[in-house]
């Protein structure tokens, strides 16, 4: 059994607050809104030692993007291929 708390609970609320009108919270109420701008990626433990925070991961990914020549979110394509037409 638990021991009774030695601290007494004091009611600090003002009398005009009616606690019976309060409703229980809704689980996940703002989940969709929070996830709308979030991209969660799990990193392996050995990489987490090298990249301890999101800023270091972002720097490394930007360097990789620049080395690969990717711009505006689209990969750079090789030379354009022309379709052969019947002569």
N, C-alpha and C. Protein backbone atom coordinates (compact mmCIF):
# COMPACT_ATOMS: atom_id res chain seq x y z
N UNK A 1 0.83 -1.19 0.00
CA UNK A 1 0.00 0.00 0.00
C UNK A 1 0.87 1.24 0.00
N UNK A 2 0.35 2.27 -0.63
CA UNK A 2 1.05 3.53 -0.64
C UNK A 2 0.80 4.28 0.66
N UNK A 3 1.81 5.04 1.02
CA UNK A 3 1.64 5.90 2.19
C UNK A 3 0.85 7.13 1.78
N UNK A 4 0.10 7.64 2.69
CA UNK A 4 -0.65 8.87 2.43
C UNK A 4 0.34 10.02 2.31
N UNK A 5 0.07 10.92 1.37
CA UNK A 5 0.95 12.06 1.16
C UNK A 5 0.91 12.97 2.38
N UNK A 6 2.10 13.44 2.77
CA UNK A 6 2.15 14.33 3.91
C UNK A 6 1.73 15.75 3.53
N UNK A 7 1.75 16.04 2.23
CA UNK A 7 1.34 17.36 1.77
C UNK A 7 -0.17 17.37 1.59
N UNK A 8 -0.78 18.41 2.03
CA UNK A 8 -2.22 18.53 1.84
C UNK A 8 -2.47 19.29 0.55
N UNK A 9 -3.46 18.84 -0.19
CA UNK A 9 -3.81 19.51 -1.44
C UNK A 9 -4.59 20.77 -1.13
N UNK A 10 -4.15 21.87 -1.70
CA UNK A 10 -4.87 23.12 -1.50
C UNK A 10 -5.58 23.47 -2.79
N UNK A 11 -6.77 23.95 -2.66
CA UNK A 11 -7.56 24.32 -3.82
C UNK A 11 -7.31 25.80 -4.10
N UNK A 12 -6.52 26.07 -5.16
CA UNK A 12 -6.16 27.45 -5.50
C UNK A 12 -7.12 28.07 -6.51
N UNK A 13 -8.05 27.27 -7.03
CA UNK A 13 -8.92 27.79 -8.08
C UNK A 13 -9.92 28.79 -7.52
N UNK A 14 -10.21 29.74 -8.34
CA UNK A 14 -11.21 30.73 -7.96
C UNK A 14 -12.58 30.10 -7.98
N UNK A 15 -13.48 30.60 -7.19
CA UNK A 15 -14.82 29.99 -7.11
C UNK A 15 -15.61 30.10 -8.42
N UNK A 16 -15.27 31.07 -9.29
CA UNK A 16 -16.03 31.22 -10.53
C UNK A 16 -15.70 30.15 -11.57
N UNK A 17 -14.65 29.37 -11.35
CA UNK A 17 -14.31 28.29 -12.28
C UNK A 17 -15.14 27.06 -11.93
N UNK A 18 -15.94 26.62 -12.89
CA UNK A 18 -16.79 25.45 -12.68
C UNK A 18 -16.13 24.25 -13.34
N UNK A 19 -15.53 23.37 -12.54
CA UNK A 19 -14.80 22.23 -13.07
C UNK A 19 -15.71 21.19 -13.70
N UNK A 20 -16.99 21.23 -13.38
CA UNK A 20 -17.90 20.26 -13.98
C UNK A 20 -18.14 20.53 -15.46
N UNK A 21 -17.85 21.75 -15.91
CA UNK A 21 -18.03 22.09 -17.32
C UNK A 21 -16.82 21.70 -18.17
N UNK A 22 -15.71 21.39 -17.53
CA UNK A 22 -14.53 20.99 -18.28
C UNK A 22 -14.71 19.58 -18.82
N UNK A 23 -14.27 19.38 -20.05
CA UNK A 23 -14.37 18.06 -20.66
C UNK A 23 -12.98 17.45 -20.70
N UNK A 24 -12.94 16.16 -20.87
CA UNK A 24 -11.65 15.48 -20.98
C UNK A 24 -10.98 15.86 -22.30
N UNK A 25 -9.65 15.81 -22.32
CA UNK A 25 -8.91 16.12 -23.53
C UNK A 25 -9.11 15.05 -24.59
N UNK A 26 -8.87 15.44 -25.83
CA UNK A 26 -9.01 14.52 -26.95
C UNK A 26 -7.61 14.08 -27.38
N UNK A 27 -7.39 12.78 -27.39
CA UNK A 27 -6.08 12.25 -27.77
C UNK A 27 -5.87 12.44 -29.27
N UNK A 28 -4.71 13.00 -29.63
CA UNK A 28 -4.35 13.17 -31.03
C UNK A 28 -5.09 14.28 -31.74
N UNK A 29 -5.60 15.22 -31.00
CA UNK A 29 -6.40 16.29 -31.58
C UNK A 29 -5.61 17.09 -32.62
N UNK A 30 -4.35 17.35 -32.35
CA UNK A 30 -3.53 18.16 -33.25
C UNK A 30 -2.49 17.34 -34.00
N UNK A 31 -2.65 16.01 -34.00
CA UNK A 31 -1.65 15.13 -34.62
C UNK A 31 -1.48 15.43 -36.11
N UNK A 32 -2.56 15.50 -36.86
CA UNK A 32 -2.48 15.74 -38.31
C UNK A 32 -1.80 17.07 -38.60
N UNK A 33 -2.13 18.10 -37.86
CA UNK A 33 -1.53 19.41 -38.07
C UNK A 33 -0.04 19.39 -37.77
N UNK A 34 0.35 18.68 -36.72
CA UNK A 34 1.76 18.62 -36.35
C UNK A 34 2.57 17.82 -37.37
N UNK A 35 1.99 16.77 -37.92
CA UNK A 35 2.70 15.90 -38.85
C UNK A 35 2.73 16.46 -40.27
N UNK A 36 1.92 17.47 -40.56
CA UNK A 36 1.84 18.01 -41.91
C UNK A 36 3.18 18.55 -42.39
N UNK A 37 3.96 19.17 -41.52
CA UNK A 37 5.23 19.73 -41.94
C UNK A 37 6.41 18.98 -41.39
N UNK A 38 6.23 17.73 -41.02
CA UNK A 38 7.30 16.97 -40.38
C UNK A 38 7.69 15.78 -41.24
N UNK A 39 8.99 15.57 -41.38
CA UNK A 39 9.50 14.41 -42.09
C UNK A 39 10.44 13.70 -41.13
N UNK A 40 10.01 12.59 -40.59
CA UNK A 40 10.78 11.87 -39.60
C UNK A 40 11.58 10.77 -40.27
N UNK A 41 12.88 10.75 -39.99
CA UNK A 41 13.77 9.73 -40.55
C UNK A 41 14.54 9.11 -39.40
N UNK A 42 14.56 7.79 -39.34
CA UNK A 42 15.31 7.10 -38.31
C UNK A 42 16.71 6.82 -38.81
N UNK A 43 17.70 7.17 -38.01
CA UNK A 43 19.10 7.02 -38.38
C UNK A 43 19.69 5.88 -37.57
N UNK A 44 20.51 5.05 -38.23
CA UNK A 44 21.16 3.95 -37.52
C UNK A 44 22.06 4.48 -36.41
N UNK A 45 22.24 3.70 -35.34
CA UNK A 45 23.02 4.17 -34.19
C UNK A 45 24.45 4.61 -34.53
N UNK A 46 25.12 3.90 -35.45
CA UNK A 46 26.49 4.32 -35.77
C UNK A 46 26.51 5.66 -36.51
N UNK A 47 25.46 5.97 -37.26
CA UNK A 47 25.38 7.27 -37.92
C UNK A 47 24.96 8.35 -36.94
N UNK A 48 24.18 7.98 -35.95
CA UNK A 48 23.75 8.96 -34.95
C UNK A 48 24.94 9.48 -34.15
N UNK A 49 25.99 8.68 -34.02
CA UNK A 49 27.20 9.15 -33.34
C UNK A 49 27.91 10.21 -34.17
N UNK A 50 27.86 10.06 -35.49
CA UNK A 50 28.52 11.02 -36.38
C UNK A 50 27.66 12.27 -36.58
N UNK A 51 26.34 12.08 -36.66
CA UNK A 51 25.40 13.17 -36.87
C UNK A 51 24.50 13.29 -35.64
N UNK A 52 24.95 14.00 -34.60
CA UNK A 52 24.20 14.03 -33.35
C UNK A 52 22.93 14.88 -33.36
N UNK A 53 22.80 15.77 -34.35
CA UNK A 53 21.61 16.62 -34.37
C UNK A 53 21.15 16.84 -35.81
N UNK A 54 19.99 17.44 -35.97
CA UNK A 54 19.42 17.63 -37.29
C UNK A 54 20.24 18.60 -38.14
N UNK A 55 20.90 19.56 -37.51
CA UNK A 55 21.71 20.52 -38.27
C UNK A 55 22.86 19.82 -38.98
N UNK A 56 23.52 18.88 -38.32
CA UNK A 56 24.64 18.17 -38.95
C UNK A 56 24.14 17.26 -40.07
N UNK A 57 22.99 16.65 -39.90
CA UNK A 57 22.41 15.82 -40.95
C UNK A 57 22.06 16.68 -42.16
N UNK A 58 21.46 17.83 -41.91
CA UNK A 58 21.09 18.73 -43.01
C UNK A 58 22.31 19.22 -43.77
N UNK A 59 23.40 19.55 -43.06
CA UNK A 59 24.63 19.97 -43.74
C UNK A 59 25.16 18.87 -44.64
N UNK A 60 25.18 17.65 -44.13
CA UNK A 60 25.70 16.52 -44.91
C UNK A 60 24.82 16.26 -46.13
N UNK A 61 23.52 16.31 -45.97
CA UNK A 61 22.62 16.07 -47.10
C UNK A 61 22.72 17.18 -48.14
N UNK A 62 22.91 18.41 -47.69
CA UNK A 62 23.08 19.51 -48.67
C UNK A 62 24.38 19.36 -49.44
N UNK A 63 25.44 18.92 -48.76
CA UNK A 63 26.71 18.68 -49.45
C UNK A 63 26.56 17.56 -50.47
N UNK A 64 25.84 16.52 -50.12
CA UNK A 64 25.60 15.41 -51.04
C UNK A 64 24.76 15.88 -52.22
N UNK A 65 23.74 16.69 -51.95
CA UNK A 65 22.90 17.23 -53.01
C UNK A 65 23.73 18.07 -53.98
N UNK A 66 24.61 18.93 -53.44
CA UNK A 66 25.43 19.77 -54.29
C UNK A 66 26.41 18.95 -55.11
N UNK A 67 26.98 17.91 -54.51
CA UNK A 67 27.92 17.05 -55.24
C UNK A 67 27.22 16.28 -56.35
N UNK A 68 25.96 15.93 -56.13
CA UNK A 68 25.21 15.19 -57.14
C UNK A 68 24.63 16.10 -58.21
N UNK A 69 24.66 17.40 -57.97
CA UNK A 69 24.16 18.35 -58.95
C UNK A 69 22.64 18.42 -58.99
N UNK A 70 21.99 18.13 -57.90
CA UNK A 70 20.54 18.18 -57.85
C UNK A 70 20.11 19.60 -57.52
N UNK A 71 19.15 20.11 -58.29
CA UNK A 71 18.63 21.45 -58.03
C UNK A 71 17.11 21.41 -57.99
N UNK A 72 16.56 22.23 -57.16
CA UNK A 72 15.10 22.40 -57.04
C UNK A 72 14.37 21.09 -56.83
N UNK A 73 15.01 20.16 -56.14
CA UNK A 73 14.34 18.92 -55.80
C UNK A 73 14.27 17.89 -56.92
N UNK A 74 14.84 18.19 -58.08
CA UNK A 74 14.80 17.25 -59.18
C UNK A 74 16.22 16.83 -59.54
N UNK A 75 16.45 15.55 -59.76
CA UNK A 75 17.79 15.10 -60.11
C UNK A 75 18.19 15.59 -61.50
N UNK A 76 19.47 15.82 -61.64
CA UNK A 76 20.00 16.25 -62.93
C UNK A 76 19.97 15.06 -63.87
N UNK A 77 19.49 15.26 -65.07
CA UNK A 77 19.40 14.18 -66.05
C UNK A 77 20.55 14.28 -67.02
N UNK A 78 20.86 13.18 -67.60
CA UNK A 78 21.94 13.12 -68.60
C UNK A 78 21.52 13.82 -69.88
N UNK A 79 22.32 13.66 -70.93
CA UNK A 79 21.98 14.32 -72.19
C UNK A 79 20.63 13.82 -72.72
N UNK A 80 19.93 14.73 -73.37
CA UNK A 80 18.61 14.39 -73.90
C UNK A 80 18.76 13.38 -75.01
N UNK A 81 17.88 12.40 -75.03
CA UNK A 81 17.89 11.41 -76.09
C UNK A 81 16.81 11.75 -77.08
N UNK A 82 17.17 11.66 -78.34
CA UNK A 82 16.18 11.97 -79.38
C UNK A 82 15.59 10.68 -79.90
N UNK A 83 14.32 10.75 -80.18
CA UNK A 83 13.65 9.60 -80.76
C UNK A 83 14.03 9.49 -82.23
N UNK A 84 14.24 8.27 -82.66
CA UNK A 84 14.53 8.07 -84.09
C UNK A 84 13.22 8.15 -84.89
N UNK A 85 13.30 8.81 -85.96
CA UNK A 85 12.13 8.89 -86.84
C UNK A 85 12.42 8.09 -88.11
N UNK A 86 11.41 7.52 -88.66
CA UNK A 86 11.58 6.75 -89.89
C UNK A 86 11.92 7.71 -91.02
N UNK A 87 12.97 7.37 -91.77
CA UNK A 87 13.41 8.26 -92.84
C UNK A 87 12.76 7.92 -94.15
